[in-house]
Amino acid sequence: MAYSSNGTGIQRTAPVVFNLIIINVLVFVAQMVFDSGNQFSLTEKLAIHNYKSPDFQAYQVITNMFAHGGFSHIAFNMFALYTFGTWLERVWGGKRFLIFYLICGVVAGLTQMMFLKDFMMTDPMTGETVLYSGSALGASGAIMGLFGAFAYLFPNTELYLFFVPIPIKAKYMVVLMVLIDLFGQFGPVKTGIGHYAHLSGLLMGFILVIFWNRTDKKTFY
């Protein structure tokens, strides 16, 4: 997607983030158009499936991070991409930022893939037992990697958690998010959220940013 140097705001200062948001929105629109409720589902084609599933395709390792499961899903992810991505792209430049984003997203998708299972379910309309393929999708894993890098580079930046009117420093917020994902994955209530993707994306983000900054401490404060 082309970038015009005459743009202003995020388009000018963080063009990769801008283009990633545009791509995600366009894919979401395509999902709504082509998920017609018949035998073809674009969402299921883009989502990642377990590698043992007949629905798995190699391209899903990439496409899963550009597809979303609903408006609130994409809205939250794109807001987080804008919030953390613009800072990091301005620090690293577009090329390094994109590499970082894609690596975190791929690792998150592959990790979540290992825990996906096909399952049998009775169709309430026909009464037939149907094989459903477990799948995962969303940019959350890549964005958790961005959040990890942001917390590492700017640990004392104050952030606000939704519905909590008290600022929390990024270094404490990242610990809180880890605890939330651990509880979501291993707690008594199953949410259907890809917590393994969140945690692995975050861990990959930490590993990359520590490796990149092992001799350069200028970005700490």
N, C-alpha and C. Protein backbone atom coordinates (compact mmCIF):
# COMPACT_ATOMS: atom_id res chain seq x y z
N MET A 1 0.85 -1.19 0.00
CA MET A 1 0.00 0.00 0.00
C MET A 1 0.89 1.24 0.00
N ALA A 2 0.61 2.15 -0.87
CA ALA A 2 1.45 3.33 -1.04
C ALA A 2 1.29 4.30 0.13
N TYR A 3 2.36 5.03 0.37
CA TYR A 3 2.35 6.05 1.42
C TYR A 3 2.68 7.39 0.79
N SER A 4 1.84 8.38 1.06
CA SER A 4 2.05 9.71 0.53
C SER A 4 2.78 10.57 1.54
N SER A 5 3.86 11.19 1.13
CA SER A 5 4.62 12.05 2.04
C SER A 5 3.89 13.32 2.39
N ASN A 6 2.77 13.57 1.70
CA ASN A 6 1.99 14.76 2.00
C ASN A 6 1.00 14.54 3.13
N GLY A 7 0.95 13.29 3.66
CA GLY A 7 0.01 13.00 4.73
C GLY A 7 0.40 13.70 6.01
N THR A 8 -0.54 13.76 6.93
CA THR A 8 -0.29 14.37 8.22
C THR A 8 -0.60 13.37 9.31
N GLY A 9 -0.19 13.68 10.55
CA GLY A 9 -0.50 12.83 11.68
C GLY A 9 0.14 11.47 11.56
N ILE A 10 -0.64 10.43 11.91
CA ILE A 10 -0.11 9.07 11.92
C ILE A 10 0.34 8.62 10.54
N GLN A 11 -0.31 9.07 9.49
CA GLN A 11 0.08 8.67 8.14
C GLN A 11 1.48 9.14 7.80
N ARG A 12 1.87 10.28 8.35
CA ARG A 12 3.19 10.84 8.06
C ARG A 12 4.24 10.34 9.04
N THR A 13 3.90 10.24 10.33
CA THR A 13 4.90 9.92 11.34
C THR A 13 5.01 8.43 11.64
N ALA A 14 3.97 7.67 11.36
CA ALA A 14 4.00 6.21 11.60
C ALA A 14 3.28 5.51 10.45
N PRO A 15 3.85 5.54 9.24
CA PRO A 15 3.15 5.01 8.07
C PRO A 15 2.89 3.51 8.13
N VAL A 16 3.77 2.73 8.78
CA VAL A 16 3.54 1.29 8.86
C VAL A 16 2.33 1.00 9.74
N VAL A 17 2.24 1.67 10.87
CA VAL A 17 1.07 1.51 11.74
C VAL A 17 -0.19 1.91 10.99
N PHE A 18 -0.13 3.03 10.29
CA PHE A 18 -1.28 3.50 9.52
C PHE A 18 -1.73 2.46 8.51
N ASN A 19 -0.78 1.90 7.76
CA ASN A 19 -1.12 0.91 6.75
C ASN A 19 -1.60 -0.41 7.35
N LEU A 20 -1.03 -0.80 8.50
CA LEU A 20 -1.50 -2.01 9.17
C LEU A 20 -2.96 -1.86 9.61
N ILE A 21 -3.30 -0.69 10.12
CA ILE A 21 -4.69 -0.45 10.52
C ILE A 21 -5.61 -0.52 9.31
N ILE A 22 -5.20 0.09 8.21
CA ILE A 22 -6.01 0.06 6.99
C ILE A 22 -6.21 -1.37 6.51
N ILE A 23 -5.13 -2.16 6.50
CA ILE A 23 -5.23 -3.55 6.05
C ILE A 23 -6.19 -4.34 6.93
N ASN A 24 -6.05 -4.18 8.24
CA ASN A 24 -6.93 -4.91 9.16
C ASN A 24 -8.39 -4.54 8.96
N VAL A 25 -8.66 -3.25 8.75
CA VAL A 25 -10.04 -2.81 8.54
C VAL A 25 -10.59 -3.36 7.24
N LEU A 26 -9.78 -3.34 6.18
CA LEU A 26 -10.23 -3.86 4.89
C LEU A 26 -10.51 -5.37 4.97
N VAL A 27 -9.66 -6.10 5.67
CA VAL A 27 -9.89 -7.53 5.82
C VAL A 27 -11.17 -7.77 6.61
N PHE A 28 -11.41 -6.98 7.64
CA PHE A 28 -12.63 -7.14 8.44
C PHE A 28 -13.87 -6.87 7.60
N VAL A 29 -13.81 -5.85 6.77
CA VAL A 29 -14.93 -5.56 5.87
C VAL A 29 -15.16 -6.74 4.92
N ALA A 30 -14.06 -7.30 4.39
CA ALA A 30 -14.17 -8.46 3.50
C ALA A 30 -14.79 -9.65 4.23
N GLN A 31 -14.44 -9.84 5.49
CA GLN A 31 -15.04 -10.92 6.27
C GLN A 31 -16.56 -10.75 6.35
N MET A 32 -17.00 -9.54 6.63
CA MET A 32 -18.44 -9.30 6.74
C MET A 32 -19.15 -9.51 5.40
N VAL A 33 -18.46 -9.19 4.31
CA VAL A 33 -19.07 -9.33 2.99
C VAL A 33 -19.14 -10.79 2.56
N PHE A 34 -18.06 -11.55 2.79
CA PHE A 34 -17.97 -12.89 2.23
C PHE A 34 -18.37 -14.01 3.20
N ASP A 35 -18.54 -13.69 4.49
CA ASP A 35 -19.06 -14.71 5.41
C ASP A 35 -20.57 -14.76 5.26
N SER A 36 -21.01 -15.42 4.23
CA SER A 36 -22.41 -15.38 3.84
C SER A 36 -23.28 -16.40 4.56
N GLY A 37 -22.68 -17.22 5.42
CA GLY A 37 -23.46 -18.20 6.15
C GLY A 37 -23.65 -19.52 5.42
N ASN A 38 -23.11 -19.64 4.21
CA ASN A 38 -23.20 -20.92 3.51
C ASN A 38 -21.93 -21.73 3.76
N GLN A 39 -21.57 -22.58 2.82
CA GLN A 39 -20.42 -23.46 3.03
C GLN A 39 -19.09 -22.70 3.07
N PHE A 40 -19.03 -21.51 2.50
CA PHE A 40 -17.77 -20.77 2.46
C PHE A 40 -17.73 -19.73 3.58
N SER A 41 -16.63 -19.71 4.30
CA SER A 41 -16.42 -18.70 5.34
C SER A 41 -15.02 -18.13 5.17
N LEU A 42 -14.93 -16.87 4.80
CA LEU A 42 -13.63 -16.23 4.65
C LEU A 42 -12.89 -16.21 5.99
N THR A 43 -13.62 -15.98 7.06
CA THR A 43 -13.00 -15.94 8.38
C THR A 43 -12.28 -17.24 8.70
N GLU A 44 -12.94 -18.38 8.42
CA GLU A 44 -12.33 -19.67 8.70
C GLU A 44 -11.15 -19.95 7.76
N LYS A 45 -11.18 -19.39 6.58
CA LYS A 45 -10.04 -19.54 5.66
C LYS A 45 -8.83 -18.76 6.15
N LEU A 46 -9.07 -17.60 6.77
CA LEU A 46 -7.98 -16.74 7.22
C LEU A 46 -7.45 -17.14 8.59
N ALA A 47 -8.34 -17.66 9.45
CA ALA A 47 -7.94 -18.05 10.80
C ALA A 47 -6.97 -19.23 10.75
N ILE A 48 -6.19 -19.37 11.82
CA ILE A 48 -5.24 -20.47 11.86
C ILE A 48 -5.87 -21.67 12.55
N HIS A 49 -5.61 -22.86 11.99
CA HIS A 49 -6.09 -24.13 12.52
C HIS A 49 -4.89 -24.97 12.93
N ASN A 50 -5.14 -25.96 13.75
CA ASN A 50 -4.07 -26.87 14.11
C ASN A 50 -3.49 -27.52 12.86
N TYR A 51 -2.18 -27.71 12.85
CA TYR A 51 -1.51 -28.20 11.65
C TYR A 51 -1.97 -29.61 11.26
N LYS A 52 -2.60 -30.33 12.19
CA LYS A 52 -3.11 -31.66 11.89
C LYS A 52 -4.52 -31.61 11.30
N SER A 53 -5.15 -30.45 11.35
CA SER A 53 -6.51 -30.32 10.87
C SER A 53 -6.54 -30.25 9.35
N PRO A 54 -7.56 -30.82 8.71
CA PRO A 54 -7.67 -30.71 7.24
C PRO A 54 -7.92 -29.27 6.79
N ASP A 55 -8.30 -28.40 7.72
CA ASP A 55 -8.56 -27.00 7.37
C ASP A 55 -7.30 -26.14 7.46
N PHE A 56 -6.19 -26.72 7.90
CA PHE A 56 -4.96 -25.93 8.03
C PHE A 56 -4.34 -25.66 6.67
N GLN A 57 -3.90 -24.40 6.48
CA GLN A 57 -3.12 -24.00 5.31
C GLN A 57 -1.94 -23.17 5.79
N ALA A 58 -0.81 -23.30 5.15
CA ALA A 58 0.40 -22.63 5.60
C ALA A 58 0.24 -21.11 5.65
N TYR A 59 -0.52 -20.53 4.71
CA TYR A 59 -0.68 -19.08 4.68
C TYR A 59 -1.38 -18.53 5.91
N GLN A 60 -2.10 -19.40 6.64
CA GLN A 60 -2.83 -18.95 7.83
C GLN A 60 -1.91 -18.45 8.93
N VAL A 61 -0.65 -18.86 8.88
CA VAL A 61 0.33 -18.37 9.86
C VAL A 61 0.42 -16.84 9.79
N ILE A 62 0.21 -16.28 8.61
CA ILE A 62 0.23 -14.83 8.42
C ILE A 62 -1.18 -14.24 8.47
N THR A 63 -2.11 -14.85 7.75
CA THR A 63 -3.42 -14.22 7.59
C THR A 63 -4.21 -14.14 8.89
N ASN A 64 -3.95 -15.06 9.83
CA ASN A 64 -4.74 -15.06 11.07
C ASN A 64 -4.60 -13.76 11.85
N MET A 65 -3.46 -13.09 11.72
CA MET A 65 -3.24 -11.88 12.51
C MET A 65 -3.87 -10.64 11.88
N PHE A 66 -4.49 -10.80 10.72
CA PHE A 66 -5.17 -9.68 10.07
C PHE A 66 -6.69 -9.85 10.06
N ALA A 67 -7.18 -10.94 10.62
CA ALA A 67 -8.62 -11.20 10.67
C ALA A 67 -9.10 -11.07 12.12
N HIS A 68 -10.38 -10.72 12.29
CA HIS A 68 -10.93 -10.52 13.64
C HIS A 68 -12.31 -11.12 13.76
N GLY A 69 -12.70 -11.36 15.02
CA GLY A 69 -13.94 -12.06 15.28
C GLY A 69 -15.14 -11.19 15.56
N GLY A 70 -15.02 -9.88 15.45
CA GLY A 70 -16.15 -9.00 15.71
C GLY A 70 -15.68 -7.56 15.80
N PHE A 71 -16.65 -6.64 15.87
CA PHE A 71 -16.29 -5.22 15.87
C PHE A 71 -15.49 -4.84 17.11
N SER A 72 -15.91 -5.31 18.28
CA SER A 72 -15.19 -4.95 19.50
C SER A 72 -13.77 -5.51 19.48
N HIS A 73 -13.61 -6.68 18.87
CA HIS A 73 -12.29 -7.31 18.76
C HIS A 73 -11.34 -6.44 17.95
N ILE A 74 -11.76 -6.04 16.76
CA ILE A 74 -10.87 -5.24 15.92
C ILE A 74 -10.72 -3.83 16.47
N ALA A 75 -11.77 -3.27 17.07
CA ALA A 75 -11.69 -1.91 17.59
C ALA A 75 -10.66 -1.82 18.71
N PHE A 76 -10.68 -2.78 19.62
CA PHE A 76 -9.71 -2.77 20.73
C PHE A 76 -8.30 -2.98 20.21
N ASN A 77 -8.13 -3.94 19.29
CA ASN A 77 -6.79 -4.22 18.78
C ASN A 77 -6.22 -3.05 17.99
N MET A 78 -7.03 -2.39 17.19
CA MET A 78 -6.52 -1.27 16.41
C MET A 78 -6.22 -0.06 17.29
N PHE A 79 -7.00 0.12 18.35
CA PHE A 79 -6.70 1.18 19.30
C PHE A 79 -5.35 0.92 19.97
N ALA A 80 -5.11 -0.33 20.37
CA ALA A 80 -3.83 -0.68 21.01
C ALA A 80 -2.68 -0.57 20.02
N LEU A 81 -2.92 -0.97 18.77
CA LEU A 81 -1.88 -0.84 17.74
C LEU A 81 -1.51 0.62 17.55
N TYR A 82 -2.50 1.48 17.49
CA TYR A 82 -2.24 2.91 17.37
C TYR A 82 -1.51 3.45 18.59
N THR A 83 -1.94 3.05 19.79
CA THR A 83 -1.39 3.58 21.03
C THR A 83 0.08 3.23 21.19
N PHE A 84 0.42 1.96 21.04
CA PHE A 84 1.80 1.52 21.27
C PHE A 84 2.63 1.52 20.00
N GLY A 85 1.99 1.22 18.88
CA GLY A 85 2.73 1.11 17.63
C GLY A 85 3.33 2.42 17.17
N THR A 86 2.60 3.52 17.33
CA THR A 86 3.12 4.80 16.86
C THR A 86 4.39 5.20 17.62
N TRP A 87 4.41 4.93 18.92
CA TRP A 87 5.62 5.22 19.70
C TRP A 87 6.80 4.40 19.19
N LEU A 88 6.57 3.11 19.03
CA LEU A 88 7.67 2.21 18.68
C LEU A 88 8.16 2.43 17.26
N GLU A 89 7.25 2.71 16.34
CA GLU A 89 7.71 2.98 14.97
C GLU A 89 8.57 4.23 14.91
N ARG A 90 8.22 5.24 15.70
CA ARG A 90 9.01 6.47 15.72
C ARG A 90 10.39 6.24 16.33
N VAL A 91 10.49 5.29 17.27
CA VAL A 91 11.77 4.97 17.88
C VAL A 91 12.63 4.11 16.95
N TRP A 92 12.02 3.09 16.34
CA TRP A 92 12.76 2.10 15.56
C TRP A 92 12.84 2.40 14.07
N GLY A 93 11.87 3.12 13.56
CA GLY A 93 11.73 3.24 12.11
C GLY A 93 10.80 2.15 11.58
N GLY A 94 10.28 2.36 10.39
CA GLY A 94 9.25 1.48 9.86
C GLY A 94 9.69 0.05 9.62
N LYS A 95 10.89 -0.15 9.07
CA LYS A 95 11.34 -1.49 8.72
C LYS A 95 11.49 -2.37 9.95
N ARG A 96 12.18 -1.87 10.97
CA ARG A 96 12.38 -2.66 12.18
C ARG A 96 11.05 -2.90 12.89
N PHE A 97 10.21 -1.89 12.90
CA PHE A 97 8.91 -2.05 13.54
C PHE A 97 8.10 -3.15 12.87
N LEU A 98 8.05 -3.16 11.54
CA LEU A 98 7.27 -4.17 10.83
C LEU A 98 7.82 -5.57 11.09
N ILE A 99 9.15 -5.71 11.08
CA ILE A 99 9.76 -7.01 11.37
C ILE A 99 9.35 -7.48 12.76
N PHE A 100 9.43 -6.58 13.72
CA PHE A 100 9.07 -6.90 15.10
C PHE A 100 7.61 -7.35 15.17
N TYR A 101 6.72 -6.59 14.57
CA TYR A 101 5.29 -6.87 14.61
C TYR A 101 4.98 -8.24 14.01
N LEU A 102 5.55 -8.53 12.86
CA LEU A 102 5.27 -9.79 12.18
C LEU A 102 5.84 -10.98 12.94
N ILE A 103 7.04 -10.85 13.49
CA ILE A 103 7.63 -11.95 14.25
C ILE A 103 6.76 -12.27 15.47
N CYS A 104 6.35 -11.25 16.22
CA CYS A 104 5.51 -11.48 17.39
C CYS A 104 4.18 -12.12 16.99
N GLY A 105 3.60 -11.65 15.90
CA GLY A 105 2.33 -12.20 15.45
C GLY A 105 2.43 -13.64 15.01
N VAL A 106 3.49 -13.98 14.28
CA VAL A 106 3.69 -15.35 13.81
C VAL A 106 3.92 -16.29 14.99
N VAL A 107 4.77 -15.89 15.92
CA VAL A 107 5.05 -16.73 17.09
C VAL A 107 3.77 -16.95 17.90
N ALA A 108 2.99 -15.88 18.08
CA ALA A 108 1.74 -16.00 18.83
C ALA A 108 0.78 -16.96 18.14
N GLY A 109 0.64 -16.83 16.82
CA GLY A 109 -0.26 -17.71 16.09
C GLY A 109 0.18 -19.16 16.13
N LEU A 110 1.46 -19.41 15.96
CA LEU A 110 1.97 -20.78 15.99
C LEU A 110 1.80 -21.41 17.37
N THR A 111 2.01 -20.61 18.41
CA THR A 111 1.84 -21.14 19.77
C THR A 111 0.39 -21.50 20.03
N GLN A 112 -0.53 -20.59 19.70
CA GLN A 112 -1.95 -20.88 19.91
C GLN A 112 -2.39 -22.07 19.06
N MET A 113 -1.82 -22.20 17.88
CA MET A 113 -2.16 -23.31 16.98
C MET A 113 -1.95 -24.66 17.64
N MET A 114 -0.90 -24.78 18.44
CA MET A 114 -0.57 -26.06 19.05
C MET A 114 -1.63 -26.52 20.04
N PHE A 115 -2.47 -25.61 20.51
CA PHE A 115 -3.47 -25.95 21.51
C PHE A 115 -4.88 -26.01 20.92
N LEU A 116 -5.00 -25.85 19.61
CA LEU A 116 -6.30 -25.92 18.96
C LEU A 116 -6.66 -27.37 18.67
N LYS A 117 -7.93 -27.69 18.84
CA LYS A 117 -8.39 -29.05 18.60
C LYS A 117 -9.69 -29.04 17.79
N ASP A 118 -9.85 -30.00 16.90
CA ASP A 118 -11.13 -30.19 16.23
C ASP A 118 -12.08 -30.87 17.22
N PHE A 119 -13.35 -30.58 17.10
CA PHE A 119 -14.32 -31.12 18.06
C PHE A 119 -15.64 -31.43 17.35
N MET A 120 -16.37 -32.36 17.94
CA MET A 120 -17.66 -32.77 17.40
C MET A 120 -18.76 -32.00 18.12
N MET A 121 -19.77 -31.56 17.34
CA MET A 121 -20.89 -30.85 17.94
C MET A 121 -22.16 -31.18 17.14
N THR A 122 -23.27 -31.25 17.87
CA THR A 122 -24.54 -31.52 17.22
C THR A 122 -25.14 -30.23 16.68
N ASP A 123 -25.46 -30.22 15.40
CA ASP A 123 -26.09 -29.06 14.78
C ASP A 123 -27.52 -28.94 15.30
N PRO A 124 -27.86 -27.81 15.98
CA PRO A 124 -29.21 -27.69 16.56
C PRO A 124 -30.32 -27.64 15.52
N MET A 125 -30.00 -27.28 14.27
CA MET A 125 -31.01 -27.17 13.23
C MET A 125 -31.33 -28.52 12.60
N THR A 126 -30.31 -29.34 12.40
CA THR A 126 -30.50 -30.60 11.69
C THR A 126 -30.41 -31.82 12.60
N GLY A 127 -29.80 -31.65 13.77
CA GLY A 127 -29.61 -32.78 14.66
C GLY A 127 -28.44 -33.65 14.29
N GLU A 128 -27.72 -33.28 13.25
CA GLU A 128 -26.57 -34.07 12.80
C GLU A 128 -25.33 -33.71 13.61
N THR A 129 -24.48 -34.71 13.80
CA THR A 129 -23.20 -34.48 14.47
C THR A 129 -22.18 -34.01 13.44
N VAL A 130 -21.60 -32.85 13.69
CA VAL A 130 -20.72 -32.21 12.71
C VAL A 130 -19.34 -32.01 13.33
N LEU A 131 -18.31 -32.22 12.51
CA LEU A 131 -16.94 -31.97 12.95
C LEU A 131 -16.61 -30.50 12.73
N TYR A 132 -16.26 -29.81 13.81
CA TYR A 132 -15.87 -28.41 13.72
C TYR A 132 -14.37 -28.30 13.96
N SER A 133 -13.75 -27.38 13.27
CA SER A 133 -12.31 -27.18 13.38
C SER A 133 -12.02 -26.01 14.30
N GLY A 134 -11.28 -26.26 15.36
CA GLY A 134 -10.88 -25.18 16.25
C GLY A 134 -9.96 -24.22 15.53
N SER A 135 -10.15 -22.95 15.74
CA SER A 135 -9.36 -21.95 15.01
C SER A 135 -9.09 -20.75 15.90
N ALA A 136 -8.15 -19.91 15.49
CA ALA A 136 -7.80 -18.70 16.24
C ALA A 136 -7.47 -17.59 15.25
N LEU A 137 -7.78 -16.37 15.63
CA LEU A 137 -7.51 -15.24 14.75
C LEU A 137 -7.40 -13.97 15.57
N GLY A 138 -6.77 -12.95 14.98
CA GLY A 138 -6.67 -11.65 15.63
C GLY A 138 -5.24 -11.16 15.75
N ALA A 139 -5.11 -9.86 15.89
CA ALA A 139 -3.79 -9.21 16.00
C ALA A 139 -3.29 -9.14 17.43
N SER A 140 -4.04 -9.72 18.37
CA SER A 140 -3.72 -9.54 19.79
C SER A 140 -2.32 -10.01 20.16
N GLY A 141 -1.88 -11.13 19.60
CA GLY A 141 -0.55 -11.64 19.94
C GLY A 141 0.55 -10.67 19.53
N ALA A 142 0.45 -10.13 18.29
CA ALA A 142 1.43 -9.15 17.83
C ALA A 142 1.38 -7.89 18.68
N ILE A 143 0.18 -7.47 19.05
CA ILE A 143 0.03 -6.24 19.83
C ILE A 143 0.53 -6.43 21.25
N MET A 144 0.37 -7.62 21.80
CA MET A 144 0.95 -7.87 23.12
C MET A 144 2.47 -7.80 23.06
N GLY A 145 3.05 -8.20 21.93
CA GLY A 145 4.49 -8.02 21.75
C GLY A 145 4.87 -6.55 21.76
N LEU A 146 4.06 -5.71 21.08
CA LEU A 146 4.30 -4.27 21.10
C LEU A 146 4.20 -3.72 22.51
N PHE A 147 3.20 -4.20 23.25
CA PHE A 147 3.01 -3.74 24.62
C PHE A 147 4.22 -4.11 25.49
N GLY A 148 4.73 -5.32 25.30
CA GLY A 148 5.91 -5.73 26.05
C GLY A 148 7.11 -4.86 25.75
N ALA A 149 7.32 -4.54 24.47
CA ALA A 149 8.44 -3.68 24.09
C ALA A 149 8.25 -2.28 24.64
N PHE A 150 7.02 -1.78 24.58
CA PHE A 150 6.74 -0.44 25.11
C PHE A 150 7.02 -0.39 26.61
N ALA A 151 6.58 -1.41 27.35
CA ALA A 151 6.80 -1.44 28.79
C ALA A 151 8.28 -1.55 29.13
N TYR A 152 9.04 -2.21 28.27
CA TYR A 152 10.48 -2.35 28.49
C TYR A 152 11.21 -1.03 28.22
N LEU A 153 10.83 -0.36 27.16
CA LEU A 153 11.52 0.87 26.77
C LEU A 153 11.03 2.10 27.55
N PHE A 154 9.76 2.11 27.91
CA PHE A 154 9.16 3.26 28.60
C PHE A 154 8.44 2.79 29.85
N PRO A 155 9.17 2.21 30.80
CA PRO A 155 8.53 1.53 31.94
C PRO A 155 7.74 2.46 32.86
N ASN A 156 8.09 3.74 32.89
CA ASN A 156 7.43 4.65 33.83
C ASN A 156 6.31 5.48 33.20
N THR A 157 6.01 5.21 31.94
CA THR A 157 4.88 5.88 31.30
C THR A 157 3.59 5.42 31.96
N GLU A 158 2.73 6.36 32.31
CA GLU A 158 1.48 6.02 32.98
C GLU A 158 0.39 5.71 31.96
N LEU A 159 -0.30 4.60 32.17
CA LEU A 159 -1.36 4.14 31.29
C LEU A 159 -2.64 3.98 32.09
N TYR A 160 -3.74 3.96 31.38
CA TYR A 160 -5.04 3.75 32.02
C TYR A 160 -5.65 2.46 31.49
N LEU A 161 -6.02 1.57 32.40
CA LEU A 161 -6.77 0.39 32.04
C LEU A 161 -8.24 0.78 31.90
N PHE A 162 -8.92 0.19 30.91
CA PHE A 162 -10.32 0.54 30.68
C PHE A 162 -11.13 0.44 31.97
N PHE A 163 -11.93 1.46 32.22
CA PHE A 163 -12.85 1.52 33.35
C PHE A 163 -12.16 1.67 34.70
N VAL A 164 -10.84 1.84 34.69
CA VAL A 164 -10.11 2.06 35.94
C VAL A 164 -9.50 3.46 35.87
N PRO A 165 -10.01 4.42 36.66
CA PRO A 165 -9.58 5.83 36.53
C PRO A 165 -8.27 6.15 37.21
N ILE A 166 -7.46 5.14 37.50
CA ILE A 166 -6.19 5.35 38.20
C ILE A 166 -5.05 5.01 37.24
N PRO A 167 -4.10 5.94 37.03
CA PRO A 167 -2.97 5.65 36.12
C PRO A 167 -2.06 4.57 36.70
N ILE A 168 -1.59 3.69 35.82
CA ILE A 168 -0.69 2.61 36.21
C ILE A 168 0.53 2.67 35.31
N LYS A 169 1.71 2.63 35.90
CA LYS A 169 2.93 2.65 35.10
C LYS A 169 3.00 1.40 34.23
N ALA A 170 3.59 1.57 33.04
CA ALA A 170 3.63 0.48 32.06
C ALA A 170 4.27 -0.78 32.63
N LYS A 171 5.30 -0.63 33.45
CA LYS A 171 6.01 -1.79 33.99
C LYS A 171 5.13 -2.59 34.95
N TYR A 172 4.16 -1.94 35.57
CA TYR A 172 3.22 -2.65 36.43
C TYR A 172 2.03 -3.16 35.62
N MET A 173 1.66 -2.40 34.61
CA MET A 173 0.54 -2.81 33.76
C MET A 173 0.84 -4.13 33.05
N VAL A 174 2.08 -4.30 32.59
CA VAL A 174 2.42 -5.52 31.87
C VAL A 174 2.33 -6.73 32.80
N VAL A 175 2.71 -6.55 34.07
CA VAL A 175 2.57 -7.64 35.04
C VAL A 175 1.10 -7.97 35.26
N LEU A 176 0.27 -6.94 35.35
CA LEU A 176 -1.16 -7.14 35.53
C LEU A 176 -1.76 -7.90 34.35
N MET A 177 -1.34 -7.54 33.12
CA MET A 177 -1.87 -8.21 31.94
C MET A 177 -1.46 -9.68 31.90
N VAL A 178 -0.24 -9.97 32.33
CA VAL A 178 0.21 -11.37 32.39
C VAL A 178 -0.66 -12.15 33.37
N LEU A 179 -0.92 -11.57 34.53
CA LEU A 179 -1.75 -12.24 35.53
C LEU A 179 -3.16 -12.48 35.01
N ILE A 180 -3.70 -11.50 34.30
CA ILE A 180 -5.05 -11.66 33.73
C ILE A 180 -5.07 -12.81 32.74
N ASP A 181 -4.05 -12.89 31.87
CA ASP A 181 -4.02 -13.97 30.88
C ASP A 181 -3.80 -15.33 31.54
N LEU A 182 -2.96 -15.38 32.56
CA LEU A 182 -2.75 -16.65 33.26
C LEU A 182 -4.03 -17.12 33.94
N PHE A 183 -4.74 -16.18 34.56
CA PHE A 183 -6.00 -16.55 35.20
C PHE A 183 -7.03 -16.96 34.16
N GLY A 184 -7.07 -16.23 33.03
CA GLY A 184 -8.00 -16.58 31.97
C GLY A 184 -7.75 -17.95 31.39
N GLN A 185 -6.48 -18.34 31.30
CA GLN A 185 -6.15 -19.63 30.72
C GLN A 185 -6.33 -20.78 31.71
N PHE A 186 -5.92 -20.57 32.94
CA PHE A 186 -5.90 -21.67 33.90
C PHE A 186 -6.95 -21.53 35.00
N GLY A 187 -7.70 -20.44 34.99
CA GLY A 187 -8.74 -20.24 35.99
C GLY A 187 -9.98 -21.08 35.70
N PRO A 188 -11.00 -20.97 36.57
CA PRO A 188 -12.19 -21.82 36.43
C PRO A 188 -13.11 -21.43 35.29
N VAL A 189 -13.02 -20.19 34.78
CA VAL A 189 -13.92 -19.71 33.72
C VAL A 189 -13.16 -19.65 32.41
N LYS A 190 -13.67 -20.34 31.39
CA LYS A 190 -13.05 -20.34 30.07
C LYS A 190 -13.71 -19.26 29.21
N THR A 191 -12.88 -18.38 28.65
CA THR A 191 -13.40 -17.21 27.94
C THR A 191 -13.39 -17.36 26.42
N GLY A 192 -12.68 -18.35 25.90
CA GLY A 192 -12.55 -18.47 24.45
C GLY A 192 -11.52 -17.52 23.87
N ILE A 193 -10.77 -16.84 24.72
CA ILE A 193 -9.72 -15.91 24.29
C ILE A 193 -8.41 -16.68 24.13
N GLY A 194 -7.61 -16.29 23.15
CA GLY A 194 -6.33 -16.96 22.90
C GLY A 194 -5.25 -16.49 23.85
N HIS A 195 -5.32 -16.94 25.09
CA HIS A 195 -4.35 -16.48 26.10
C HIS A 195 -2.94 -16.95 25.79
N TYR A 196 -2.81 -18.14 25.22
CA TYR A 196 -1.47 -18.61 24.83
C TYR A 196 -0.85 -17.68 23.79
N ALA A 197 -1.67 -17.18 22.88
CA ALA A 197 -1.17 -16.24 21.87
C ALA A 197 -0.72 -14.94 22.53
N HIS A 198 -1.51 -14.45 23.48
CA HIS A 198 -1.15 -13.22 24.19
C HIS A 198 0.20 -13.38 24.90
N LEU A 199 0.31 -14.45 25.66
CA LEU A 199 1.51 -14.65 26.48
C LEU A 199 2.75 -14.89 25.63
N SER A 200 2.60 -15.68 24.56
CA SER A 200 3.77 -15.95 23.71
C SER A 200 4.16 -14.72 22.90
N GLY A 201 3.18 -13.94 22.44
CA GLY A 201 3.49 -12.70 21.74
C GLY A 201 4.22 -11.73 22.64
N LEU A 202 3.75 -11.63 23.88
CA LEU A 202 4.40 -10.75 24.86
C LEU A 202 5.83 -11.20 25.15
N LEU A 203 6.01 -12.50 25.35
CA LEU A 203 7.34 -13.03 25.63
C LEU A 203 8.28 -12.80 24.45
N MET A 204 7.78 -13.02 23.22
CA MET A 204 8.60 -12.79 22.04
C MET A 204 8.99 -11.32 21.94
N GLY A 205 8.05 -10.43 22.28
CA GLY A 205 8.35 -9.00 22.27
C GLY A 205 9.46 -8.64 23.22
N PHE A 206 9.40 -9.21 24.42
CA PHE A 206 10.46 -8.97 25.40
C PHE A 206 11.81 -9.48 24.89
N ILE A 207 11.81 -10.67 24.35
CA ILE A 207 13.07 -11.27 23.88
C ILE A 207 13.69 -10.40 22.78
N LEU A 208 12.88 -9.96 21.83
CA LEU A 208 13.40 -9.16 20.73
C LEU A 208 13.93 -7.81 21.20
N VAL A 209 13.16 -7.12 22.03
CA VAL A 209 13.58 -5.78 22.44
C VAL A 209 14.79 -5.84 23.35
N ILE A 210 14.90 -6.88 24.17
CA ILE A 210 16.10 -7.03 25.01
C ILE A 210 17.31 -7.31 24.14
N PHE A 211 17.13 -8.16 23.13
CA PHE A 211 18.24 -8.47 22.23
C PHE A 211 18.68 -7.23 21.46
N TRP A 212 17.72 -6.44 20.96
CA TRP A 212 18.04 -5.25 20.19
C TRP A 212 18.67 -4.16 21.05
N ASN A 213 18.36 -4.13 22.33
CA ASN A 213 18.83 -3.04 23.19
C ASN A 213 19.88 -3.50 24.20
N ARG A 214 20.50 -4.62 23.94
CA ARG A 214 21.44 -5.16 24.92
C ARG A 214 22.63 -4.24 25.15
N THR A 215 22.98 -3.41 24.15
CA THR A 215 24.12 -2.50 24.33
C THR A 215 23.72 -1.03 24.24
N ASP A 216 22.42 -0.77 24.08
CA ASP A 216 21.96 0.60 23.91
C ASP A 216 20.90 0.91 24.95
N LYS A 217 21.23 1.72 25.94
CA LYS A 217 20.30 2.02 27.02
C LYS A 217 19.70 3.42 26.88
N LYS A 218 19.86 4.06 25.74
CA LYS A 218 19.43 5.46 25.58
C LYS A 218 17.92 5.61 25.60
N THR A 219 17.17 4.56 25.34
CA THR A 219 15.73 4.70 25.26
C THR A 219 15.04 4.45 26.61
N PHE A 220 15.79 4.17 27.65
CA PHE A 220 15.19 3.98 28.97
C PHE A 220 14.93 5.32 29.64
N TYR A 221 13.88 5.36 30.47
CA TYR A 221 13.69 6.50 31.37
C TYR A 221 12.81 6.06 32.54
